[in-house]
Amino acid sequence: MSSDIATSIPREREQPGVERSPWRPFVLQLLGPLTILAGLVWGVAQPYRILILDRDRGGDLYDYVFQGPLLVIFVGLMFTVLVAPGLVSDLAASKDDGPAS
């Protein structure tokens, strides 16, 4: 049996509002640019590590390509472009803030 009194009470509907973005996707999106910034700061702080800037010192291809600050910048760029978007979309799909079980 259903009661007319109990079913006739109007329910309050949730008003669409502005959702604050969770901090996890924001931090994930910030990791790549912060890594790139760290590589740039390292390159400015120790310019002698970048052989391209010091052409008097000779070197082979390995010395020109595999330089610490440039590798850090490259890794930050690859994380930003390739890894972070997938991780952010996975976090948005799961919407699970609890620990994984």
PDB file of N, CA and C in Angstrom:
ATOM      1  N   MET A   1       0.835  -1.172   0.000  1.00  0.00           N
ATOM      2  CA  MET A   1       0.000   0.000   0.000  1.00  0.00           C
ATOM      3  C   MET A   1       0.883   1.239   0.000  1.00  0.00           C
ATOM      4  N   SER A   2       0.525   2.171  -0.823  1.00  0.00           N
ATOM      5  CA  SER A   2       1.279   3.412  -0.834  1.00  0.00           C
ATOM      6  C   SER A   2       0.417   4.519  -0.262  1.00  0.00           C
ATOM      7  N   SER A   3       1.058   5.434   0.359  1.00  0.00           N
ATOM      8  CA  SER A   3       0.350   6.535   0.995  1.00  0.00           C
ATOM      9  C   SER A   3       0.475   7.780   0.128  1.00  0.00           C
ATOM     10  N   ASP A   4      -0.643   8.463  -0.063  1.00  0.00           N
ATOM     11  CA  ASP A   4      -0.619   9.701  -0.829  1.00  0.00           C
ATOM     12  C   ASP A   4       0.130  10.795  -0.095  1.00  0.00           C
ATOM     13  N   ILE A   5       0.116  10.741   1.198  1.00  0.00           N
ATOM     14  CA  ILE A   5       0.792  11.768   1.979  1.00  0.00           C
ATOM     15  C   ILE A   5       2.300  11.631   1.836  1.00  0.00           C
ATOM     16  N   ALA A   6       2.799  10.409   1.894  1.00  0.00           N
ATOM     17  CA  ALA A   6       4.245  10.205   1.826  1.00  0.00           C
ATOM     18  C   ALA A   6       4.794  10.449   0.427  1.00  0.00           C
ATOM     19  N   THR A   7       4.006  10.175  -0.591  1.00  0.00           N
ATOM     20  CA  THR A   7       4.511  10.331  -1.952  1.00  0.00           C
ATOM     21  C   THR A   7       4.274  11.721  -2.519  1.00  0.00           C
ATOM     22  N   SER A   8       3.455  12.509  -1.895  1.00  0.00           N
ATOM     23  CA  SER A   8       3.165  13.834  -2.443  1.00  0.00           C
ATOM     24  C   SER A   8       4.133  14.903  -1.956  1.00  0.00           C
ATOM     25  N   ILE A   9       5.073  14.530  -1.102  1.00  0.00           N
ATOM     26  CA  ILE A   9       6.055  15.506  -0.619  1.00  0.00           C
ATOM     27  C   ILE A   9       7.070  15.753  -1.729  1.00  0.00           C
ATOM     28  N   PRO A  10       7.191  16.992  -2.138  1.00  0.00           N
ATOM     29  CA  PRO A  10       8.157  17.268  -3.208  1.00  0.00           C
ATOM     30  C   PRO A  10       9.600  17.114  -2.696  1.00  0.00           C
ATOM     31  N   ARG A  11      10.410  16.519  -3.519  1.00  0.00           N
ATOM     32  CA  ARG A  11      11.816  16.325  -3.139  1.00  0.00           C
ATOM     33  C   ARG A  11      12.626  17.530  -3.584  1.00  0.00           C
ATOM     34  N   GLU A  12      13.583  17.848  -2.763  1.00  0.00           N
ATOM     35  CA  GLU A  12      14.476  18.937  -3.140  1.00  0.00           C
ATOM     36  C   GLU A  12      15.469  18.408  -4.162  1.00  0.00           C
ATOM     37  N   ARG A  13      15.560  19.085  -5.258  1.00  0.00           N
ATOM     38  CA  ARG A  13      16.514  18.683  -6.288  1.00  0.00           C
ATOM     39  C   ARG A  13      17.802  19.466  -6.090  1.00  0.00           C
ATOM     40  N   GLU A  14      18.872  18.789  -6.390  1.00  0.00           N
ATOM     41  CA  GLU A  14      20.163  19.446  -6.235  1.00  0.00           C
ATOM     42  C   GLU A  14      20.350  20.478  -7.335  1.00  0.00           C
ATOM     43  N   GLN A  15      20.763  21.631  -6.922  1.00  0.00           N
ATOM     44  CA  GLN A  15      21.020  22.699  -7.876  1.00  0.00           C
ATOM     45  C   GLN A  15      22.388  22.465  -8.520  1.00  0.00           C
ATOM     46  N   PRO A  16      22.454  22.587  -9.833  1.00  0.00           N
ATOM     47  CA  PRO A  16      23.770  22.448 -10.452  1.00  0.00           C
ATOM     48  C   PRO A  16      24.654  23.612 -10.024  1.00  0.00           C
ATOM     49  N   GLY A  17      25.801  23.293  -9.540  1.00  0.00           N
ATOM     50  CA  GLY A  17      26.712  24.321  -9.068  1.00  0.00           C
ATOM     51  C   GLY A  17      28.093  24.119  -9.651  1.00  0.00           C
ATOM     52  N   VAL A  18      28.963  24.927  -9.228  1.00  0.00           N
ATOM     53  CA  VAL A  18      30.340  24.833  -9.684  1.00  0.00           C
ATOM     54  C   VAL A  18      31.049  23.789  -8.838  1.00  0.00           C
ATOM     55  N   GLU A  19      31.579  22.787  -9.525  1.00  0.00           N
ATOM     56  CA  GLU A  19      32.328  21.764  -8.797  1.00  0.00           C
ATOM     57  C   GLU A  19      33.779  22.163  -8.742  1.00  0.00           C
ATOM     58  N   ARG A  20      34.363  21.989  -7.591  1.00  0.00           N
ATOM     59  CA  ARG A  20      35.800  22.220  -7.473  1.00  0.00           C
ATOM     60  C   ARG A  20      36.518  21.003  -7.993  1.00  0.00           C
ATOM     61  N   SER A  21      37.524  21.251  -8.755  1.00  0.00           N
ATOM     62  CA  SER A  21      38.260  20.114  -9.296  1.00  0.00           C
ATOM     63  C   SER A  21      39.072  19.473  -8.183  1.00  0.00           C
ATOM     64  N   PRO A  22      39.152  18.172  -8.193  1.00  0.00           N
ATOM     65  CA  PRO A  22      39.949  17.491  -7.167  1.00  0.00           C
ATOM     66  C   PRO A  22      41.421  17.850  -7.307  1.00  0.00           C
ATOM     67  N   TRP A  23      42.142  17.713  -6.237  1.00  0.00           N
ATOM     68  CA  TRP A  23      43.547  18.103  -6.243  1.00  0.00           C
ATOM     69  C   TRP A  23      44.431  17.095  -6.956  1.00  0.00           C
ATOM     70  N   ARG A  24      44.030  15.836  -7.025  1.00  0.00           N
ATOM     71  CA  ARG A  24      44.890  14.826  -7.656  1.00  0.00           C
ATOM     72  C   ARG A  24      45.113  15.073  -9.141  1.00  0.00           C
ATOM     73  N   PRO A  25      44.067  15.304  -9.935  1.00  0.00           N
ATOM     74  CA  PRO A  25      44.333  15.598 -11.353  1.00  0.00           C
ATOM     75  C   PRO A  25      45.147  16.874 -11.548  1.00  0.00           C
ATOM     76  N   PHE A  26      44.907  17.858 -10.692  1.00  0.00           N
ATOM     77  CA  PHE A  26      45.677  19.100 -10.792  1.00  0.00           C
ATOM     78  C   PHE A  26      47.155  18.855 -10.538  1.00  0.00           C
ATOM     79  N   VAL A  27      47.459  18.063  -9.528  1.00  0.00           N
ATOM     80  CA  VAL A  27      48.853  17.752  -9.217  1.00  0.00           C
ATOM     81  C   VAL A  27      49.487  16.943 -10.344  1.00  0.00           C
ATOM     82  N   LEU A  28      48.738  15.991 -10.896  1.00  0.00           N
ATOM     83  CA  LEU A  28      49.267  15.206 -12.012  1.00  0.00           C
ATOM     84  C   LEU A  28      49.560  16.077 -13.224  1.00  0.00           C
ATOM     85  N   GLN A  29      48.692  17.021 -13.517  1.00  0.00           N
ATOM     86  CA  GLN A  29      48.924  17.906 -14.644  1.00  0.00           C
ATOM     87  C   GLN A  29      50.062  18.877 -14.381  1.00  0.00           C
ATOM     88  N   LEU A  30      50.371  19.120 -13.131  1.00  0.00           N
ATOM     89  CA  LEU A  30      51.427  20.059 -12.776  1.00  0.00           C
ATOM     90  C   LEU A  30      52.810  19.403 -12.726  1.00  0.00           C
ATOM     91  N   LEU A  31      52.877  18.074 -12.601  1.00  0.00           N
ATOM     92  CA  LEU A  31      54.166  17.396 -12.495  1.00  0.00           C
ATOM     93  C   LEU A  31      55.061  17.616 -13.714  1.00  0.00           C
ATOM     94  N   GLY A  32      54.503  17.514 -14.902  1.00  0.00           N
ATOM     95  CA  GLY A  32      55.296  17.683 -16.117  1.00  0.00           C
ATOM     96  C   GLY A  32      55.872  19.085 -16.245  1.00  0.00           C
ATOM     97  N   PRO A  33      55.047  20.132 -16.157  1.00  0.00           N
ATOM     98  CA  PRO A  33      55.601  21.480 -16.249  1.00  0.00           C
ATOM     99  C   PRO A  33      56.601  21.812 -15.136  1.00  0.00           C
ATOM    100  N   LEU A  34      56.388  21.275 -13.945  1.00  0.00           N
ATOM    101  CA  LEU A  34      57.362  21.508 -12.872  1.00  0.00           C
ATOM    102  C   LEU A  34      58.691  20.820 -13.170  1.00  0.00           C
ATOM    103  N   THR A  35      58.630  19.654 -13.797  1.00  0.00           N
ATOM    104  CA  THR A  35      59.852  18.959 -14.183  1.00  0.00           C
ATOM    105  C   THR A  35      60.582  19.736 -15.279  1.00  0.00           C
ATOM    106  N   ILE A  36      59.834  20.263 -16.230  1.00  0.00           N
ATOM    107  CA  ILE A  36      60.442  21.086 -17.282  1.00  0.00           C
ATOM    108  C   ILE A  36      61.089  22.327 -16.663  1.00  0.00           C
ATOM    109  N   LEU A  37      60.403  22.952 -15.725  1.00  0.00           N
ATOM    110  CA  LEU A  37      60.952  24.119 -15.047  1.00  0.00           C
ATOM    111  C   LEU A  37      62.225  23.764 -14.275  1.00  0.00           C
ATOM    112  N   ALA A  38      62.231  22.594 -13.644  1.00  0.00           N
ATOM    113  CA  ALA A  38      63.429  22.160 -12.916  1.00  0.00           C
ATOM    114  C   ALA A  38      64.602  21.974 -13.881  1.00  0.00           C
ATOM    115  N   GLY A  39      64.346  21.416 -15.068  1.00  0.00           N
ATOM    116  CA  GLY A  39      65.408  21.267 -16.064  1.00  0.00           C
ATOM    117  C   GLY A  39      65.925  22.605 -16.551  1.00  0.00           C
ATOM    118  N   LEU A  40      65.021  23.563 -16.738  1.00  0.00           N
ATOM    119  CA  LEU A  40      65.454  24.894 -17.159  1.00  0.00           C
ATOM    120  C   LEU A  40      66.279  25.589 -16.082  1.00  0.00           C
ATOM    121  N   VAL A  41      65.836  25.464 -14.833  1.00  0.00           N
ATOM    122  CA  VAL A  41      66.592  26.065 -13.724  1.00  0.00           C
ATOM    123  C   VAL A  41      67.963  25.413 -13.611  1.00  0.00           C
ATOM    124  N   TRP A  42      68.015  24.093 -13.768  1.00  0.00           N
ATOM    125  CA  TRP A  42      69.284  23.385 -13.709  1.00  0.00           C
ATOM    126  C   TRP A  42      70.202  23.853 -14.846  1.00  0.00           C
ATOM    127  N   GLY A  43      69.649  24.018 -16.040  1.00  0.00           N
ATOM    128  CA  GLY A  43      70.448  24.485 -17.169  1.00  0.00           C
ATOM    129  C   GLY A  43      70.974  25.897 -16.971  1.00  0.00           C
ATOM    130  N   VAL A  44      70.181  26.758 -16.335  1.00  0.00           N
ATOM    131  CA  VAL A  44      70.632  28.127 -16.073  1.00  0.00           C
ATOM    132  C   VAL A  44      71.645  28.142 -14.929  1.00  0.00           C
ATOM    133  N   ALA A  45      71.425  27.320 -13.917  1.00  0.00           N
ATOM    134  CA  ALA A  45      72.317  27.296 -12.758  1.00  0.00           C
ATOM    135  C   ALA A  45      73.678  26.684 -13.104  1.00  0.00           C
ATOM    136  N   GLN A  46      73.688  25.710 -13.995  1.00  0.00           N
ATOM    137  CA  GLN A  46      74.937  25.053 -14.386  1.00  0.00           C
ATOM    138  C   GLN A  46      75.037  25.008 -15.912  1.00  0.00           C
ATOM    139  N   PRO A  47      75.284  26.136 -16.549  1.00  0.00           N
ATOM    140  CA  PRO A  47      75.302  26.159 -18.013  1.00  0.00           C
ATOM    141  C   PRO A  47      76.458  25.353 -18.611  1.00  0.00           C
ATOM    142  N   TYR A  48      77.484  25.083 -17.834  1.00  0.00           N
ATOM    143  CA  TYR A  48      78.602  24.296 -18.358  1.00  0.00           C
ATOM    144  C   TYR A  48      78.204  22.846 -18.625  1.00  0.00           C
ATOM    145  N   ARG A  49      77.080  22.412 -18.091  1.00  0.00           N
ATOM    146  CA  ARG A  49      76.611  21.050 -18.347  1.00  0.00           C
ATOM    147  C   ARG A  49      75.981  20.913 -19.729  1.00  0.00           C
ATOM    148  N   ILE A  50      75.599  22.026 -20.346  1.00  0.00           N
ATOM    149  CA  ILE A  50      74.987  21.991 -21.668  1.00  0.00           C
ATOM    150  C   ILE A  50      76.070  22.279 -22.689  1.00  0.00           C
ATOM    151  N   LEU A  51      76.494  21.260 -23.392  1.00  0.00           N
ATOM    152  CA  LEU A  51      77.618  21.354 -24.315  1.00  0.00           C
ATOM    153  C   LEU A  51      77.284  22.232 -25.513  1.00  0.00           C
ATOM    154  N   ILE A  52      76.021  22.332 -25.866  1.00  0.00           N
ATOM    155  CA  ILE A  52      75.616  23.159 -27.005  1.00  0.00           C
ATOM    156  C   ILE A  52      75.989  24.619 -26.754  1.00  0.00           C
ATOM    157  N   LEU A  53      75.929  25.061 -25.506  1.00  0.00           N
ATOM    158  CA  LEU A  53      76.252  26.446 -25.174  1.00  0.00           C
ATOM    159  C   LEU A  53      77.753  26.699 -25.160  1.00  0.00           C
ATOM    160  N   ASP A  54      78.554  25.671 -24.986  1.00  0.00           N
ATOM    161  CA  ASP A  54      80.007  25.806 -24.918  1.00  0.00           C
ATOM    162  C   ASP A  54      80.616  25.080 -26.116  1.00  0.00           C
ATOM    163  N   ARG A  55      80.683  25.769 -27.238  1.00  0.00           N
ATOM    164  CA  ARG A  55      81.135  25.134 -28.477  1.00  0.00           C
ATOM    165  C   ARG A  55      82.651  24.959 -28.524  1.00  0.00           C
ATOM    166  N   ASP A  56      83.395  25.621 -27.657  1.00  0.00           N
ATOM    167  CA  ASP A  56      84.855  25.461 -27.656  1.00  0.00           C
ATOM    168  C   ASP A  56      85.244  24.066 -27.197  1.00  0.00           C
ATOM    169  N   ARG A  57      84.447  23.508 -26.323  1.00  0.00           N
ATOM    170  CA  ARG A  57      84.723  22.168 -25.811  1.00  0.00           C
ATOM    171  C   ARG A  57      84.145  21.162 -26.792  1.00  0.00           C
ATOM    172  N   GLY A  58      84.970  20.336 -27.335  1.00  0.00           N
ATOM    173  CA  GLY A  58      84.507  19.375 -28.335  1.00  0.00           C
ATOM    174  C   GLY A  58      83.800  18.200 -27.689  1.00  0.00           C
ATOM    175  N   GLY A  59      83.038  17.504 -28.481  1.00  0.00           N
ATOM    176  CA  GLY A  59      82.336  16.338 -27.984  1.00  0.00           C
ATOM    177  C   GLY A  59      81.715  15.588 -29.135  1.00  0.00           C
ATOM    178  N   ASP A  60      81.380  14.340 -28.880  1.00  0.00           N
ATOM    179  CA  ASP A  60      80.736  13.547 -29.921  1.00  0.00           C
ATOM    180  C   ASP A  60      79.211  13.669 -29.780  1.00  0.00           C
ATOM    181  N   LEU A  61      78.487  12.902 -30.565  1.00  0.00           N
ATOM    182  CA  LEU A  61      77.021  12.977 -30.578  1.00  0.00           C
ATOM    183  C   LEU A  61      76.435  12.672 -29.201  1.00  0.00           C
ATOM    184  N   TYR A  62      77.013  11.705 -28.506  1.00  0.00           N
ATOM    185  CA  TYR A  62      76.520  11.343 -27.173  1.00  0.00           C
ATOM    186  C   TYR A  62      76.576  12.556 -26.235  1.00  0.00           C
ATOM    187  N   ASP A  63      77.673  13.306 -26.305  1.00  0.00           N
ATOM    188  CA  ASP A  63      77.826  14.463 -25.425  1.00  0.00           C
ATOM    189  C   ASP A  63      76.812  15.559 -25.735  1.00  0.00           C
ATOM    190  N   TYR A  64      76.412  15.670 -26.999  1.00  0.00           N
ATOM    191  CA  TYR A  64      75.444  16.699 -27.369  1.00  0.00           C
ATOM    192  C   TYR A  64      74.004  16.290 -27.032  1.00  0.00           C
ATOM    193  N   VAL A  65      73.697  15.010 -27.160  1.00  0.00           N
ATOM    194  CA  VAL A  65      72.311  14.566 -26.986  1.00  0.00           C
ATOM    195  C   VAL A  65      71.980  14.278 -25.527  1.00  0.00           C
ATOM    196  N   PHE A  66      72.844  13.561 -24.839  1.00  0.00           N
ATOM    197  CA  PHE A  66      72.540  13.111 -23.474  1.00  0.00           C
ATOM    198  C   PHE A  66      73.166  14.050 -22.456  1.00  0.00           C
ATOM    199  N   GLN A  67      72.479  15.153 -22.237  1.00  0.00           N
ATOM    200  CA  GLN A  67      72.908  16.137 -21.252  1.00  0.00           C
ATOM    201  C   GLN A  67      71.829  16.227 -20.187  1.00  0.00           C
ATOM    202  N   GLY A  68      72.241  16.260 -18.931  1.00  0.00           N
ATOM    203  CA  GLY A  68      71.305  16.201 -17.809  1.00  0.00           C
ATOM    204  C   GLY A  68      70.121  17.142 -17.900  1.00  0.00           C
ATOM    205  N   PRO A  69      70.345  18.442 -17.996  1.00  0.00           N
ATOM    206  CA  PRO A  69      69.190  19.363 -18.031  1.00  0.00           C
ATOM    207  C   PRO A  69      68.272  19.130 -19.230  1.00  0.00           C
ATOM    208  N   LEU A  70      68.850  18.796 -20.376  1.00  0.00           N
ATOM    209  CA  LEU A  70      68.023  18.557 -21.557  1.00  0.00           C
ATOM    210  C   LEU A  70      67.199  17.281 -21.406  1.00  0.00           C
ATOM    211  N   LEU A  71      67.774  16.269 -20.775  1.00  0.00           N
ATOM    212  CA  LEU A  71      67.016  15.036 -20.535  1.00  0.00           C
ATOM    213  C   LEU A  71      65.869  15.267 -19.559  1.00  0.00           C
ATOM    214  N   VAL A  72      66.093  16.078 -18.537  1.00  0.00           N
ATOM    215  CA  VAL A  72      65.029  16.380 -17.570  1.00  0.00           C
ATOM    216  C   VAL A  72      63.897  17.135 -18.267  1.00  0.00           C
ATOM    217  N   ILE A  73      64.243  18.087 -19.122  1.00  0.00           N
ATOM    218  CA  ILE A  73      63.226  18.827 -19.880  1.00  0.00           C
ATOM    219  C   ILE A  73      62.459  17.873 -20.792  1.00  0.00           C
ATOM    220  N   PHE A  74      63.168  16.965 -21.462  1.00  0.00           N
ATOM    221  CA  PHE A  74      62.521  16.006 -22.362  1.00  0.00           C
ATOM    222  C   PHE A  74      61.568  15.081 -21.605  1.00  0.00           C
ATOM    223  N   VAL A  75      61.999  14.587 -20.450  1.00  0.00           N
ATOM    224  CA  VAL A  75      61.137  13.703 -19.654  1.00  0.00           C
ATOM    225  C   VAL A  75      59.897  14.453 -19.172  1.00  0.00           C
ATOM    226  N   GLY A  76      60.051  15.687 -18.741  1.00  0.00           N
ATOM    227  CA  GLY A  76      58.892  16.483 -18.321  1.00  0.00           C
ATOM    228  C   GLY A  76      57.921  16.721 -19.462  1.00  0.00           C
ATOM    229  N   LEU A  77      58.458  16.966 -20.656  1.00  0.00           N
ATOM    230  CA  LEU A  77      57.610  17.176 -21.827  1.00  0.00           C
ATOM    231  C   LEU A  77      56.866  15.899 -22.202  1.00  0.00           C
ATOM    232  N   MET A  78      57.545  14.764 -22.181  1.00  0.00           N
ATOM    233  CA  MET A  78      56.897  13.494 -22.522  1.00  0.00           C
ATOM    234  C   MET A  78      55.834  13.122 -21.487  1.00  0.00           C
ATOM    235  N   PHE A  79      56.104  13.394 -20.217  1.00  0.00           N
ATOM    236  CA  PHE A  79      55.105  13.120 -19.182  1.00  0.00           C
ATOM    237  C   PHE A  79      53.868  13.983 -19.402  1.00  0.00           C
ATOM    238  N   THR A  80      54.093  15.258 -19.719  1.00  0.00           N
ATOM    239  CA  THR A  80      52.975  16.175 -19.933  1.00  0.00           C
ATOM    240  C   THR A  80      52.125  15.761 -21.122  1.00  0.00           C
ATOM    241  N   VAL A  81      52.768  15.330 -22.191  1.00  0.00           N
ATOM    242  CA  VAL A  81      52.049  15.037 -23.432  1.00  0.00           C
ATOM    243  C   VAL A  81      51.484  13.620 -23.456  1.00  0.00           C
ATOM    244  N   LEU A  82      52.243  12.629 -22.962  1.00  0.00           N
ATOM    245  CA  LEU A  82      51.857  11.233 -23.131  1.00  0.00           C
ATOM    246  C   LEU A  82      51.231  10.579 -21.900  1.00  0.00           C
ATOM    247  N   VAL A  83      51.733  10.866 -20.733  1.00  0.00           N
ATOM    248  CA  VAL A  83      51.326  10.120 -19.539  1.00  0.00           C
ATOM    249  C   VAL A  83      50.203  10.814 -18.771  1.00  0.00           C
ATOM    250  N   ALA A  84      50.356  12.098 -18.508  1.00  0.00           N
ATOM    251  CA  ALA A  84      49.404  12.814 -17.651  1.00  0.00           C
ATOM    252  C   ALA A  84      47.964  12.796 -18.172  1.00  0.00           C
ATOM    253  N   PRO A  85      47.720  12.989 -19.481  1.00  0.00           N
ATOM    254  CA  PRO A  85      46.319  12.966 -19.916  1.00  0.00           C
ATOM    255  C   PRO A  85      45.617  11.636 -19.634  1.00  0.00           C
ATOM    256  N   GLY A  86      46.307  10.524 -19.798  1.00  0.00           N
ATOM    257  CA  GLY A  86      45.712   9.223 -19.497  1.00  0.00           C
ATOM    258  C   GLY A  86      45.437   9.037 -18.020  1.00  0.00           C
ATOM    259  N   LEU A  87      46.375   9.476 -17.198  1.00  0.00           N
ATOM    260  CA  LEU A  87      46.165   9.353 -15.754  1.00  0.00           C
ATOM    261  C   LEU A  87      45.008  10.222 -15.276  1.00  0.00           C
ATOM    262  N   VAL A  88      44.904  11.418 -15.816  1.00  0.00           N
ATOM    263  CA  VAL A  88      43.814  12.323 -15.421  1.00  0.00           C
ATOM    264  C   VAL A  88      42.470  11.762 -15.869  1.00  0.00           C
ATOM    265  N   SER A  89      42.416  11.200 -17.083  1.00  0.00           N
ATOM    266  CA  SER A  89      41.148  10.625 -17.538  1.00  0.00           C
ATOM    267  C   SER A  89      40.782   9.383 -16.732  1.00  0.00           C
ATOM    268  N   ASP A  90      41.770   8.592 -16.321  1.00  0.00           N
ATOM    269  CA  ASP A  90      41.485   7.443 -15.455  1.00  0.00           C
ATOM    270  C   ASP A  90      40.949   7.896 -14.099  1.00  0.00           C
ATOM    271  N   LEU A  91      41.524   8.953 -13.547  1.00  0.00           N
ATOM    272  CA  LEU A  91      41.029   9.471 -12.268  1.00  0.00           C
ATOM    273  C   LEU A  91      39.610  10.014 -12.408  1.00  0.00           C
ATOM    274  N   ALA A  92      39.342  10.692 -13.514  1.00  0.00           N
ATOM    275  CA  ALA A  92      37.994  11.219 -13.730  1.00  0.00           C
ATOM    276  C   ALA A  92      36.985  10.092 -13.927  1.00  0.00           C
ATOM    277  N   ALA A  93      37.398   8.998 -14.569  1.00  0.00           N
ATOM    278  CA  ALA A  93      36.491   7.884 -14.799  1.00  0.00           C
ATOM    279  C   ALA A  93      36.185   7.121 -13.510  1.00  0.00           C
ATOM    280  N   SER A  94      37.174   6.987 -12.678  1.00  0.00           N
ATOM    281  CA  SER A  94      36.966   6.192 -11.463  1.00  0.00           C
ATOM    282  C   SER A  94      36.187   6.964 -10.398  1.00  0.00           C
ATOM    283  N   LYS A  95      36.494   8.255 -10.237  1.00  0.00           N
ATOM    284  CA  LYS A  95      35.878   9.089  -9.208  1.00  0.00           C
ATOM    285  C   LYS A  95      35.896   8.410  -7.843  1.00  0.00           C
ATOM    286  N   ASP A  96      36.978   7.674  -7.611  1.00  0.00           N
ATOM    287  CA  ASP A  96      37.132   6.957  -6.350  1.00  0.00           C
ATOM    288  C   ASP A  96      38.264   7.617  -5.584  1.00  0.00           C
ATOM    289  N   ASP A  97      37.930   8.321  -4.518  1.00  0.00           N
ATOM    290  CA  ASP A  97      38.945   8.985  -3.707  1.00  0.00           C
ATOM    291  C   ASP A  97      39.489   8.098  -2.604  1.00  0.00           C
ATOM    292  N   GLY A  98      38.950   6.932  -2.456  1.00  0.00           N
ATOM    293  CA  GLY A  98      39.391   6.045  -1.397  1.00  0.00           C
ATOM    294  C   GLY A  98      40.587   5.220  -1.845  1.00  0.00           C
ATOM    295  N   PRO A  99      41.156   4.455  -0.937  1.00  0.00           N
ATOM    296  CA  PRO A  99      42.294   3.620  -1.297  1.00  0.00           C
ATOM    297  C   PRO A  99      41.865   2.478  -2.211  1.00  0.00           C
ATOM    298  N   ALA A 100      42.784   2.101  -3.085  1.00  0.00           N
ATOM    299  CA  ALA A 100      42.480   0.991  -4.007  1.00  0.00           C
ATOM    300  C   ALA A 100      42.468  -0.318  -3.244  1.00  0.00           C
ATOM    301  N   SER A 101      41.526  -1.174  -3.590  1.00  0.00           N
ATOM    302  CA  SER A 101      41.458  -2.458  -2.897  1.00  0.00           C
ATOM    303  C   SER A 101      41.370  -3.589  -3.886  1.00  0.00           C
TER     304      SER A 101
END
